[in-house]
């Protein structure tokens, strides 16, 4: 599953809203993220 990053469009954002698509015992998967998935 490819995540969509909001960071390129708003690099200085300090908060954002996202839809939770899955929850595990120690993980949460979001529909979109504000992190750069390639750069960590």
C-alpha atoms as a PDB file:
ATOM      1  CA  UNK A   1       0.000   0.000   0.000  1.00  0.00           C
ATOM      2  CA  UNK A   2       1.417   3.354  -1.032  1.00  0.00           C
ATOM      3  CA  UNK A   3       0.937   6.194   1.398  1.00  0.00           C
ATOM      4  CA  UNK A   4       0.220   9.692   0.237  1.00  0.00           C
ATOM      5  CA  UNK A   5       2.471  12.276   1.907  1.00  0.00           C
ATOM      6  CA  UNK A   6       1.135  15.762   2.584  1.00  0.00           C
ATOM      7  CA  UNK A   7       4.619  17.093   3.412  1.00  0.00           C
ATOM      8  CA  UNK A   8       5.646  18.298  -0.076  1.00  0.00           C
ATOM      9  CA  UNK A   9       2.584  20.556  -0.291  1.00  0.00           C
ATOM     10  CA  UNK A  10       2.839  21.889   3.287  1.00  0.00           C
ATOM     11  CA  UNK A  11       6.392  21.338   4.594  1.00  0.00           C
ATOM     12  CA  UNK A  12       6.013  23.651   7.620  1.00  0.00           C
ATOM     13  CA  UNK A  13       2.711  22.226   8.937  1.00  0.00           C
ATOM     14  CA  UNK A  14       2.684  21.388  12.652  1.00  0.00           C
ATOM     15  CA  UNK A  15      -0.566  19.414  12.658  1.00  0.00           C
ATOM     16  CA  UNK A  16      -2.826  17.647  10.191  1.00  0.00           C
ATOM     17  CA  UNK A  17      -5.917  15.438  10.088  1.00  0.00           C
ATOM     18  CA  UNK A  18      -5.847  11.902   8.731  1.00  0.00           C
ATOM     19  CA  UNK A  19      -8.134   8.919   8.438  1.00  0.00           C
ATOM     20  CA  UNK A  20      -7.130   5.822  10.437  1.00  0.00           C
ATOM     21  CA  UNK A  21      -7.350   2.769   8.174  1.00  0.00           C
ATOM     22  CA  UNK A  22      -6.025   0.059  10.529  1.00  0.00           C
ATOM     23  CA  UNK A  23      -5.029  -0.409  14.162  1.00  0.00           C
ATOM     24  CA  UNK A  24      -2.713  -3.144  15.462  1.00  0.00           C
ATOM     25  CA  UNK A  25      -1.378  -3.968  18.908  1.00  0.00           C
ATOM     26  CA  UNK A  26       1.473  -1.463  18.492  1.00  0.00           C
ATOM     27  CA  UNK A  27       0.763   0.233  15.146  1.00  0.00           C
ATOM     28  CA  UNK A  28      -1.655   2.674  13.556  1.00  0.00           C
ATOM     29  CA  UNK A  29      -2.029   2.971   9.770  1.00  0.00           C
ATOM     30  CA  UNK A  30      -3.166   6.292   8.316  1.00  0.00           C
ATOM     31  CA  UNK A  31      -4.668   6.941   4.884  1.00  0.00           C
ATOM     32  CA  UNK A  32      -2.278   9.860   4.451  1.00  0.00           C
ATOM     33  CA  UNK A  33       0.784  11.031   6.336  1.00  0.00           C
ATOM     34  CA  UNK A  34       2.821  14.165   6.839  1.00  0.00           C
ATOM     35  CA  UNK A  35       6.129  12.321   6.884  1.00  0.00           C
ATOM     36  CA  UNK A  36       8.358  11.640   3.919  1.00  0.00           C
ATOM     37  CA  UNK A  37       7.965   7.833   3.563  1.00  0.00           C
ATOM     38  CA  UNK A  38      11.275   7.468   1.700  1.00  0.00           C
ATOM     39  CA  UNK A  39      13.389   9.638   4.034  1.00  0.00           C
ATOM     40  CA  UNK A  40      11.878   8.598   7.384  1.00  0.00           C
END
